[in-house]
Amino acid sequence: YGLTELEAVNILNGWHIFDYVNKYDCIKNLIPLNVS
């Protein structure tokens, strides 16, 4: 799935799962992030 090691470790521990799913969904659908 092209994750970083930290992302993989966190997912396996159940941490920040929604954040990572959202991140990769935005990348897949070309939705820019982090513009405030």
PDB file of all heavy atoms in Angstrom:
ATOM      1  N   TYR A   1       0.798  -1.226   0.000  1.00  0.00           N
ATOM      2  CA  TYR A   1       0.000   0.000   0.000  1.00  0.00           C
ATOM      3  C   TYR A   1       0.834   1.280   0.000  1.00  0.00           C
ATOM      4  O   TYR A   1       0.281   2.366   0.099  1.00  0.00           O
ATOM      5  CB  TYR A   1      -0.981  -0.005   1.183  1.00  0.00           C
ATOM      6  CG  TYR A   1      -1.882  -1.206   1.099  1.00  0.00           C
ATOM      7  CD1 TYR A   1      -1.635  -2.339   1.864  1.00  0.00           C
ATOM      8  CD2 TYR A   1      -2.950  -1.230   0.214  1.00  0.00           C
ATOM      9  CE1 TYR A   1      -2.436  -3.466   1.756  1.00  0.00           C
ATOM     10  CE2 TYR A   1      -3.756  -2.348   0.097  1.00  0.00           C
ATOM     11  CZ  TYR A   1      -3.497  -3.462   0.870  1.00  0.00           C
ATOM     12  OH  TYR A   1      -4.284  -4.569   0.753  1.00  0.00           O
ATOM     13  N   GLY A   2       2.140   1.157  -0.098  1.00  0.00           N
ATOM     14  CA  GLY A   2       2.995   2.336  -0.216  1.00  0.00           C
ATOM     15  C   GLY A   2       3.070   3.197   1.028  1.00  0.00           C
ATOM     16  O   GLY A   2       3.318   4.397   0.935  1.00  0.00           O
ATOM     17  N   LEU A   3       2.862   2.611   2.197  1.00  0.00           N
ATOM     18  CA  LEU A   3       2.911   3.362   3.442  1.00  0.00           C
ATOM     19  C   LEU A   3       4.351   3.517   3.926  1.00  0.00           C
ATOM     20  O   LEU A   3       5.223   2.750   3.544  1.00  0.00           O
ATOM     21  CB  LEU A   3       2.114   2.642   4.536  1.00  0.00           C
ATOM     22  CG  LEU A   3       0.666   2.289   4.252  1.00  0.00           C
ATOM     23  CD1 LEU A   3       0.052   1.606   5.464  1.00  0.00           C
ATOM     24  CD2 LEU A   3      -0.127   3.508   3.881  1.00  0.00           C
ATOM     25  N   THR A   4       4.554   4.487   4.808  1.00  0.00           N
ATOM     26  CA  THR A   4       5.848   4.585   5.485  1.00  0.00           C
ATOM     27  C   THR A   4       5.850   3.584   6.635  1.00  0.00           C
ATOM     28  O   THR A   4       4.791   3.077   7.037  1.00  0.00           O
ATOM     29  CB  THR A   4       6.074   6.002   6.050  1.00  0.00           C
ATOM     30  OG1 THR A   4       5.125   6.234   7.105  1.00  0.00           O
ATOM     31  CG2 THR A   4       5.956   7.068   4.973  1.00  0.00           C
ATOM     32  N   GLU A   5       7.023   3.333   7.179  1.00  0.00           N
ATOM     33  CA  GLU A   5       7.103   2.388   8.295  1.00  0.00           C
ATOM     34  C   GLU A   5       6.331   2.908   9.502  1.00  0.00           C
ATOM     35  O   GLU A   5       5.624   2.155  10.173  1.00  0.00           O
ATOM     36  CB  GLU A   5       8.560   2.113   8.679  1.00  0.00           C
ATOM     37  CG  GLU A   5       8.683   1.048   9.750  1.00  0.00           C
ATOM     38  CD  GLU A   5      10.111   0.639  10.041  1.00  0.00           C
ATOM     39  OE1 GLU A   5      11.044   1.397   9.697  1.00  0.00           O
ATOM     40  OE2 GLU A   5      10.297  -0.438  10.635  1.00  0.00           O
ATOM     41  N   LEU A   6       6.430   4.191   9.778  1.00  0.00           N
ATOM     42  CA  LEU A   6       5.701   4.766  10.911  1.00  0.00           C
ATOM     43  C   LEU A   6       4.192   4.622  10.729  1.00  0.00           C
ATOM     44  O   LEU A   6       3.481   4.267  11.675  1.00  0.00           O
ATOM     45  CB  LEU A   6       6.067   6.245  11.089  1.00  0.00           C
ATOM     46  CG  LEU A   6       5.334   6.976  12.208  1.00  0.00           C
ATOM     47  CD1 LEU A   6       5.649   6.335  13.563  1.00  0.00           C
ATOM     48  CD2 LEU A   6       5.708   8.444  12.208  1.00  0.00           C
ATOM     49  N   GLU A   7       3.714   4.871   9.523  1.00  0.00           N
ATOM     50  CA  GLU A   7       2.284   4.710   9.253  1.00  0.00           C
ATOM     51  C   GLU A   7       1.861   3.259   9.469  1.00  0.00           C
ATOM     52  O   GLU A   7       0.817   2.984  10.079  1.00  0.00           O
ATOM     53  CB  GLU A   7       1.958   5.152   7.828  1.00  0.00           C
ATOM     54  CG  GLU A   7       2.078   6.644   7.606  1.00  0.00           C
ATOM     55  CD  GLU A   7       2.027   7.058   6.150  1.00  0.00           C
ATOM     56  OE1 GLU A   7       2.246   6.211   5.253  1.00  0.00           O
ATOM     57  OE2 GLU A   7       1.762   8.248   5.894  1.00  0.00           O
ATOM     58  N   ALA A   8       2.664   2.319   9.004  1.00  0.00           N
ATOM     59  CA  ALA A   8       2.351   0.900   9.179  1.00  0.00           C
ATOM     60  C   ALA A   8       2.314   0.522  10.656  1.00  0.00           C
ATOM     61  O   ALA A   8       1.382  -0.155  11.109  1.00  0.00           O
ATOM     62  CB  ALA A   8       3.371   0.042   8.425  1.00  0.00           C
ATOM     63  N   VAL A   9       3.313   0.954  11.409  1.00  0.00           N
ATOM     64  CA  VAL A   9       3.357   0.661  12.853  1.00  0.00           C
ATOM     65  C   VAL A   9       2.126   1.236  13.545  1.00  0.00           C
ATOM     66  O   VAL A   9       1.477   0.557  14.355  1.00  0.00           O
ATOM     67  CB  VAL A   9       4.654   1.216  13.494  1.00  0.00           C
ATOM     68  CG1 VAL A   9       4.593   1.162  15.009  1.00  0.00           C
ATOM     69  CG2 VAL A   9       5.873   0.463  12.987  1.00  0.00           C
ATOM     70  N   ASN A  10       1.790   2.468  13.234  1.00  0.00           N
ATOM     71  CA  ASN A  10       0.629   3.102  13.861  1.00  0.00           C
ATOM     72  C   ASN A  10      -0.669   2.396  13.506  1.00  0.00           C
ATOM     73  O   ASN A  10      -1.532   2.198  14.366  1.00  0.00           O
ATOM     74  CB  ASN A  10       0.554   4.584  13.476  1.00  0.00           C
ATOM     75  CG  ASN A  10       1.560   5.420  14.232  1.00  0.00           C
ATOM     76  OD1 ASN A  10       2.088   5.021  15.257  1.00  0.00           O
ATOM     77  ND2 ASN A  10       1.831   6.605  13.714  1.00  0.00           N
ATOM     78  N   ILE A  11      -0.829   1.991  12.272  1.00  0.00           N
ATOM     79  CA  ILE A  11      -2.040   1.271  11.869  1.00  0.00           C
ATOM     80  C   ILE A  11      -2.135  -0.057  12.616  1.00  0.00           C
ATOM     81  O   ILE A  11      -3.194  -0.426  13.117  1.00  0.00           O
ATOM     82  CB  ILE A  11      -2.078   1.060  10.340  1.00  0.00           C
ATOM     83  CG1 ILE A  11      -2.418   2.391   9.664  1.00  0.00           C
ATOM     84  CG2 ILE A  11      -3.084  -0.018   9.944  1.00  0.00           C
ATOM     85  CD1 ILE A  11      -2.288   2.385   8.162  1.00  0.00           C
ATOM     86  N   LEU A  12      -1.041  -0.773  12.719  1.00  0.00           N
ATOM     87  CA  LEU A  12      -1.056  -2.056  13.429  1.00  0.00           C
ATOM     88  C   LEU A  12      -1.404  -1.874  14.900  1.00  0.00           C
ATOM     89  O   LEU A  12      -2.006  -2.756  15.514  1.00  0.00           O
ATOM     90  CB  LEU A  12       0.288  -2.764  13.267  1.00  0.00           C
ATOM     91  CG  LEU A  12       0.616  -3.197  11.834  1.00  0.00           C
ATOM     92  CD1 LEU A  12       2.024  -3.771  11.754  1.00  0.00           C
ATOM     93  CD2 LEU A  12      -0.406  -4.183  11.303  1.00  0.00           C
ATOM     94  N   ASN A  13      -1.053  -0.730  15.463  1.00  0.00           N
ATOM     95  CA  ASN A  13      -1.394  -0.425  16.851  1.00  0.00           C
ATOM     96  C   ASN A  13      -2.774   0.214  16.992  1.00  0.00           C
ATOM     97  O   ASN A  13      -3.226   0.478  18.101  1.00  0.00           O
ATOM     98  CB  ASN A  13      -0.341   0.503  17.461  1.00  0.00           C
ATOM     99  CG  ASN A  13       0.899  -0.256  17.862  1.00  0.00           C
ATOM    100  OD1 ASN A  13       0.853  -1.093  18.753  1.00  0.00           O
ATOM    101  ND2 ASN A  13       2.014   0.017  17.196  1.00  0.00           N
ATOM    102  N   GLY A  14      -3.424   0.501  15.849  1.00  0.00           N
ATOM    103  CA  GLY A  14      -4.748   1.100  15.884  1.00  0.00           C
ATOM    104  C   GLY A  14      -4.731   2.606  16.076  1.00  0.00           C
ATOM    105  O   GLY A  14      -5.740   3.202  16.449  1.00  0.00           O
ATOM    106  N   TRP A  15      -3.611   3.233  15.820  1.00  0.00           N
ATOM    107  CA  TRP A  15      -3.470   4.678  16.025  1.00  0.00           C
ATOM    108  C   TRP A  15      -3.591   5.424  14.694  1.00  0.00           C
ATOM    109  O   TRP A  15      -2.981   5.040  13.706  1.00  0.00           O
ATOM    110  CB  TRP A  15      -2.117   5.011  16.645  1.00  0.00           C
ATOM    111  CG  TRP A  15      -1.842   4.355  17.959  1.00  0.00           C
ATOM    112  CD1 TRP A  15      -2.745   3.989  18.915  1.00  0.00           C
ATOM    113  CD2 TRP A  15      -0.562   3.957  18.461  1.00  0.00           C
ATOM    114  NE1 TRP A  15      -2.115   3.403  19.975  1.00  0.00           N
ATOM    115  CE2 TRP A  15      -0.763   3.372  19.734  1.00  0.00           C
ATOM    116  CE3 TRP A  15       0.734   4.046  17.968  1.00  0.00           C
ATOM    117  CZ2 TRP A  15       0.272   2.891  20.506  1.00  0.00           C
ATOM    118  CZ3 TRP A  15       1.772   3.561  18.740  1.00  0.00           C
ATOM    119  CH2 TRP A  15       1.536   2.989  19.997  1.00  0.00           C
ATOM    120  N   HIS A  16      -4.313   6.513  14.681  1.00  0.00           N
ATOM    121  CA  HIS A  16      -4.414   7.445  13.544  1.00  0.00           C
ATOM    122  C   HIS A  16      -4.907   6.794  12.248  1.00  0.00           C
ATOM    123  O   HIS A  16      -4.602   7.283  11.156  1.00  0.00           O
ATOM    124  CB  HIS A  16      -3.067   8.135  13.286  1.00  0.00           C
ATOM    125  CG  HIS A  16      -2.411   8.670  14.503  1.00  0.00           C
ATOM    126  ND1 HIS A  16      -2.941   9.699  15.241  1.00  0.00           N
ATOM    127  CD2 HIS A  16      -1.261   8.310  15.137  1.00  0.00           C
ATOM    128  CE1 HIS A  16      -2.148   9.956  16.263  1.00  0.00           C
ATOM    129  NE2 HIS A  16      -1.135   9.132  16.234  1.00  0.00           N
ATOM    130  N   ILE A  17      -5.651   5.719  12.356  1.00  0.00           N
ATOM    131  CA  ILE A  17      -6.088   4.995  11.163  1.00  0.00           C
ATOM    132  C   ILE A  17      -6.905   5.892  10.237  1.00  0.00           C
ATOM    133  O   ILE A  17      -6.651   5.939   9.033  1.00  0.00           O
ATOM    134  CB  ILE A  17      -6.868   3.720  11.539  1.00  0.00           C
ATOM    135  CG1 ILE A  17      -5.897   2.685  12.125  1.00  0.00           C
ATOM    136  CG2 ILE A  17      -7.598   3.138  10.331  1.00  0.00           C
ATOM    137  CD1 ILE A  17      -6.552   1.418  12.626  1.00  0.00           C
ATOM    138  N   PHE A  18      -7.861   6.627  10.790  1.00  0.00           N
ATOM    139  CA  PHE A  18      -8.690   7.497   9.948  1.00  0.00           C
ATOM    140  C   PHE A  18      -7.848   8.561   9.255  1.00  0.00           C
ATOM    141  O   PHE A  18      -8.104   8.916   8.112  1.00  0.00           O
ATOM    142  CB  PHE A  18      -9.807   8.156  10.764  1.00  0.00           C
ATOM    143  CG  PHE A  18     -10.869   7.185  11.211  1.00  0.00           C
ATOM    144  CD1 PHE A  18     -11.012   6.888  12.555  1.00  0.00           C
ATOM    145  CD2 PHE A  18     -11.705   6.564  10.297  1.00  0.00           C
ATOM    146  CE1 PHE A  18     -11.976   5.988  12.980  1.00  0.00           C
ATOM    147  CE2 PHE A  18     -12.666   5.661  10.705  1.00  0.00           C
ATOM    148  CZ  PHE A  18     -12.807   5.371  12.055  1.00  0.00           C
ATOM    149  N   ASP A  19      -6.834   9.073   9.956  1.00  0.00           N
ATOM    150  CA  ASP A  19      -5.959  10.087   9.356  1.00  0.00           C
ATOM    151  C   ASP A  19      -5.214   9.530   8.145  1.00  0.00           C
ATOM    152  O   ASP A  19      -5.107  10.198   7.113  1.00  0.00           O
ATOM    153  CB  ASP A  19      -4.946  10.606  10.382  1.00  0.00           C
ATOM    154  CG  ASP A  19      -5.604  11.353  11.525  1.00  0.00           C
ATOM    155  OD1 ASP A  19      -6.690  11.935  11.310  1.00  0.00           O
ATOM    156  OD2 ASP A  19      -5.037  11.358  12.633  1.00  0.00           O
ATOM    157  N   TYR A  20      -4.683   8.315   8.275  1.00  0.00           N
ATOM    158  CA  TYR A  20      -3.926   7.727   7.170  1.00  0.00           C
ATOM    159  C   TYR A  20      -4.842   7.353   5.997  1.00  0.00           C
ATOM    160  O   TYR A  20      -4.483   7.570   4.846  1.00  0.00           O
ATOM    161  CB  TYR A  20      -3.138   6.496   7.633  1.00  0.00           C
ATOM    162  CG  TYR A  20      -2.077   6.839   8.646  1.00  0.00           C
ATOM    163  CD1 TYR A  20      -1.963   6.137   9.835  1.00  0.00           C
ATOM    164  CD2 TYR A  20      -1.179   7.877   8.423  1.00  0.00           C
ATOM    165  CE1 TYR A  20      -0.993   6.446  10.770  1.00  0.00           C
ATOM    166  CE2 TYR A  20      -0.208   8.201   9.353  1.00  0.00           C
ATOM    167  CZ  TYR A  20      -0.121   7.481  10.519  1.00  0.00           C
ATOM    168  OH  TYR A  20       0.849   7.801  11.443  1.00  0.00           O
ATOM    169  N   VAL A  21      -6.004   6.820   6.307  1.00  0.00           N
ATOM    170  CA  VAL A  21      -6.957   6.490   5.239  1.00  0.00           C
ATOM    171  C   VAL A  21      -7.355   7.764   4.508  1.00  0.00           C
ATOM    172  O   VAL A  21      -7.382   7.807   3.274  1.00  0.00           O
ATOM    173  CB  VAL A  21      -8.193   5.748   5.798  1.00  0.00           C
ATOM    174  CG1 VAL A  21      -9.288   5.632   4.745  1.00  0.00           C
ATOM    175  CG2 VAL A  21      -7.792   4.368   6.321  1.00  0.00           C
ATOM    176  N   ASN A  22      -7.624   8.826   5.257  1.00  0.00           N
ATOM    177  CA  ASN A  22      -7.978  10.110   4.652  1.00  0.00           C
ATOM    178  C   ASN A  22      -6.829  10.650   3.808  1.00  0.00           C
ATOM    179  O   ASN A  22      -7.040  11.126   2.687  1.00  0.00           O
ATOM    180  CB  ASN A  22      -8.366  11.118   5.732  1.00  0.00           C
ATOM    181  CG  ASN A  22      -8.794  12.434   5.146  1.00  0.00           C
ATOM    182  OD1 ASN A  22      -9.668  12.487   4.293  1.00  0.00           O
ATOM    183  ND2 ASN A  22      -8.157  13.507   5.594  1.00  0.00           N
ATOM    184  N   LYS A  23      -5.607  10.569   4.323  1.00  0.00           N
ATOM    185  CA  LYS A  23      -4.440  11.061   3.589  1.00  0.00           C
ATOM    186  C   LYS A  23      -4.333  10.379   2.220  1.00  0.00           C
ATOM    187  O   LYS A  23      -4.205  11.051   1.191  1.00  0.00           O
ATOM    188  CB  LYS A  23      -3.164  10.790   4.392  1.00  0.00           C
ATOM    189  CG  LYS A  23      -1.893  11.086   3.631  1.00  0.00           C
ATOM    190  CD  LYS A  23      -0.665  10.613   4.384  1.00  0.00           C
ATOM    191  CE  LYS A  23       0.577  10.707   3.520  1.00  0.00           C
ATOM    192  NZ  LYS A  23       1.767  10.189   4.184  1.00  0.00           N
ATOM    193  N   TYR A  24      -4.392   9.057   2.218  1.00  0.00           N
ATOM    194  CA  TYR A  24      -4.222   8.333   0.957  1.00  0.00           C
ATOM    195  C   TYR A  24      -5.444   8.457   0.046  1.00  0.00           C
ATOM    196  O   TYR A  24      -5.310   8.427  -1.174  1.00  0.00           O
ATOM    197  CB  TYR A  24      -3.823   6.885   1.214  1.00  0.00           C
ATOM    198  CG  TYR A  24      -2.389   6.815   1.659  1.00  0.00           C
ATOM    199  CD1 TYR A  24      -2.048   6.689   2.990  1.00  0.00           C
ATOM    200  CD2 TYR A  24      -1.356   6.958   0.732  1.00  0.00           C
ATOM    201  CE1 TYR A  24      -0.716   6.676   3.395  1.00  0.00           C
ATOM    202  CE2 TYR A  24      -0.026   6.946   1.127  1.00  0.00           C
ATOM    203  CZ  TYR A  24       0.286   6.806   2.460  1.00  0.00           C
ATOM    204  OH  TYR A  24       1.599   6.807   2.847  1.00  0.00           O
ATOM    205  N   ASP A  25      -6.630   8.643   0.621  1.00  0.00           N
ATOM    206  CA  ASP A  25      -7.807   8.886  -0.197  1.00  0.00           C
ATOM    207  C   ASP A  25      -7.690  10.241  -0.895  1.00  0.00           C
ATOM    208  O   ASP A  25      -8.037  10.374  -2.069  1.00  0.00           O
ATOM    209  CB  ASP A  25      -9.071   8.828   0.657  1.00  0.00           C
ATOM    210  CG  ASP A  25     -10.334   8.805  -0.172  1.00  0.00           C
ATOM    211  OD1 ASP A  25     -10.411   7.990  -1.119  1.00  0.00           O
ATOM    212  OD2 ASP A  25     -11.249   9.607   0.117  1.00  0.00           O
ATOM    213  N   CYS A  26      -7.185  11.238  -0.171  1.00  0.00           N
ATOM    214  CA  CYS A  26      -6.976  12.562  -0.779  1.00  0.00           C
ATOM    215  C   CYS A  26      -5.925  12.498  -1.884  1.00  0.00           C
ATOM    216  O   CYS A  26      -6.098  13.106  -2.944  1.00  0.00           O
ATOM    217  CB  CYS A  26      -6.574  13.575   0.287  1.00  0.00           C
ATOM    218  SG  CYS A  26      -7.945  14.054   1.359  1.00  0.00           S
ATOM    219  N   ILE A  27      -4.852  11.768  -1.654  1.00  0.00           N
ATOM    220  CA  ILE A  27      -3.816  11.634  -2.684  1.00  0.00           C
ATOM    221  C   ILE A  27      -4.387  10.920  -3.908  1.00  0.00           C
ATOM    222  O   ILE A  27      -4.187  11.350  -5.040  1.00  0.00           O
ATOM    223  CB  ILE A  27      -2.581  10.900  -2.137  1.00  0.00           C
ATOM    224  CG1 ILE A  27      -1.874  11.765  -1.084  1.00  0.00           C
ATOM    225  CG2 ILE A  27      -1.625  10.523  -3.259  1.00  0.00           C
ATOM    226  CD1 ILE A  27      -0.784  11.042  -0.305  1.00  0.00           C
ATOM    227  N   LYS A  28      -5.126   9.853  -3.669  1.00  0.00           N
ATOM    228  CA  LYS A  28      -5.728   9.094  -4.772  1.00  0.00           C
ATOM    229  C   LYS A  28      -6.650   9.978  -5.612  1.00  0.00           C
ATOM    230  O   LYS A  28      -6.632   9.920  -6.840  1.00  0.00           O
ATOM    231  CB  LYS A  28      -6.518   7.911  -4.198  1.00  0.00           C
ATOM    232  CG  LYS A  28      -7.303   7.130  -5.216  1.00  0.00           C
ATOM    233  CD  LYS A  28      -8.127   6.055  -4.521  1.00  0.00           C
ATOM    234  CE  LYS A  28      -9.029   5.337  -5.489  1.00  0.00           C
ATOM    235  NZ  LYS A  28      -9.907   4.393  -4.799  1.00  0.00           N
ATOM    236  N   ASN A  29      -7.436  10.825  -4.937  1.00  0.00           N
ATOM    237  CA  ASN A  29      -8.431  11.650  -5.624  1.00  0.00           C
ATOM    238  C   ASN A  29      -7.931  13.071  -5.924  1.00  0.00           C
ATOM    239  O   ASN A  29      -8.725  13.933  -6.291  1.00  0.00           O
ATOM    240  CB  ASN A  29      -9.714  11.702  -4.795  1.00  0.00           C
ATOM    241  CG  ASN A  29     -10.381  10.350  -4.736  1.00  0.00           C
ATOM    242  OD1 ASN A  29     -10.712   9.775  -5.761  1.00  0.00           O
ATOM    243  ND2 ASN A  29     -10.526   9.813  -3.535  1.00  0.00           N
ATOM    244  N   LEU A  30      -6.622  13.272  -5.761  1.00  0.00           N
ATOM    245  CA  LEU A  30      -5.978  14.559  -6.070  1.00  0.00           C
ATOM    246  C   LEU A  30      -6.602  15.734  -5.317  1.00  0.00           C
ATOM    247  O   LEU A  30      -6.838  16.808  -5.882  1.00  0.00           O
ATOM    248  CB  LEU A  30      -5.982  14.821  -7.569  1.00  0.00           C
ATOM    249  CG  LEU A  30      -5.251  13.786  -8.423  1.00  0.00           C
ATOM    250  CD1 LEU A  30      -5.465  14.076  -9.901  1.00  0.00           C
ATOM    251  CD2 LEU A  30      -3.767  13.757  -8.088  1.00  0.00           C
ATOM    252  N   ILE A  31      -6.861  15.531  -4.030  1.00  0.00           N
ATOM    253  CA  ILE A  31      -7.413  16.587  -3.184  1.00  0.00           C
ATOM    254  C   ILE A  31      -6.263  17.166  -2.361  1.00  0.00           C
ATOM    255  O   ILE A  31      -5.685  16.472  -1.528  1.00  0.00           O
ATOM    256  CB  ILE A  31      -8.505  16.035  -2.247  1.00  0.00           C
ATOM    257  CG1 ILE A  31      -9.636  15.422  -3.071  1.00  0.00           C
ATOM    258  CG2 ILE A  31      -9.002  17.125  -1.302  1.00  0.00           C
ATOM    259  CD1 ILE A  31     -10.628  14.620  -2.261  1.00  0.00           C
ATOM    260  N   PRO A  32      -5.919  18.425  -2.592  1.00  0.00           N
ATOM    261  CA  PRO A  32      -4.789  19.006  -1.852  1.00  0.00           C
ATOM    262  C   PRO A  32      -5.103  19.168  -0.374  1.00  0.00           C
ATOM    263  O   PRO A  32      -6.235  19.426   0.013  1.00  0.00           O
ATOM    264  CB  PRO A  32      -4.576  20.363  -2.524  1.00  0.00           C
ATOM    265  CG  PRO A  32      -5.760  20.615  -3.349  1.00  0.00           C
ATOM    266  CD  PRO A  32      -6.505  19.342  -3.537  1.00  0.00           C
ATOM    267  N   LEU A  33      -4.064  19.006   0.434  1.00  0.00           N
ATOM    268  CA  LEU A  33      -4.189  19.124   1.886  1.00  0.00           C
ATOM    269  C   LEU A  33      -3.371  20.301   2.406  1.00  0.00           C
ATOM    270  O   LEU A  33      -2.492  20.815   1.717  1.00  0.00           O
ATOM    271  CB  LEU A  33      -3.672  17.844   2.558  1.00  0.00           C
ATOM    272  CG  LEU A  33      -4.407  16.555   2.236  1.00  0.00           C
ATOM    273  CD1 LEU A  33      -3.674  15.373   2.834  1.00  0.00           C
ATOM    274  CD2 LEU A  33      -5.823  16.620   2.769  1.00  0.00           C
ATOM    275  N   ASN A  34      -3.639  20.666   3.622  1.00  0.00           N
ATOM    276  CA  ASN A  34      -2.790  21.573   4.397  1.00  0.00           C
ATOM    277  C   ASN A  34      -2.639  22.974   3.838  1.00  0.00           C
ATOM    278  O   ASN A  34      -1.556  23.540   3.864  1.00  0.00           O
ATOM    279  CB  ASN A  34      -1.403  20.958   4.601  1.00  0.00           C
ATOM    280  CG  ASN A  34      -1.473  19.620   5.291  1.00  0.00           C
ATOM    281  OD1 ASN A  34      -2.332  19.403   6.136  1.00  0.00           O
ATOM    282  ND2 ASN A  34      -0.590  18.724   4.939  1.00  0.00           N
ATOM    283  N   VAL A  35      -3.711  23.555   3.341  1.00  0.00           N
ATOM    284  CA  VAL A  35      -3.670  24.961   2.960  1.00  0.00           C
ATOM    285  C   VAL A  35      -4.610  25.701   3.910  1.00  0.00           C
ATOM    286  O   VAL A  35      -5.815  25.469   3.887  1.00  0.00           O
ATOM    287  CB  VAL A  35      -4.105  25.184   1.499  1.00  0.00           C
ATOM    288  CG1 VAL A  35      -4.147  26.660   1.177  1.00  0.00           C
ATOM    289  CG2 VAL A  35      -3.159  24.461   0.556  1.00  0.00           C
ATOM    290  N   SER A  36      -4.044  26.541   4.742  1.00  0.00           N
ATOM    291  CA  SER A  36      -4.839  27.300   5.697  1.00  0.00           C
ATOM    292  C   SER A  36      -4.798  28.775   5.334  1.00  0.00           C
ATOM    293  O   SER A  36      -3.833  29.475   5.619  1.00  0.00           O
ATOM    294  CB  SER A  36      -4.311  27.094   7.123  1.00  0.00           C
ATOM    295  OG  SER A  36      -4.958  27.982   8.009  1.00  0.00           O
TER     296      SER A  36
END
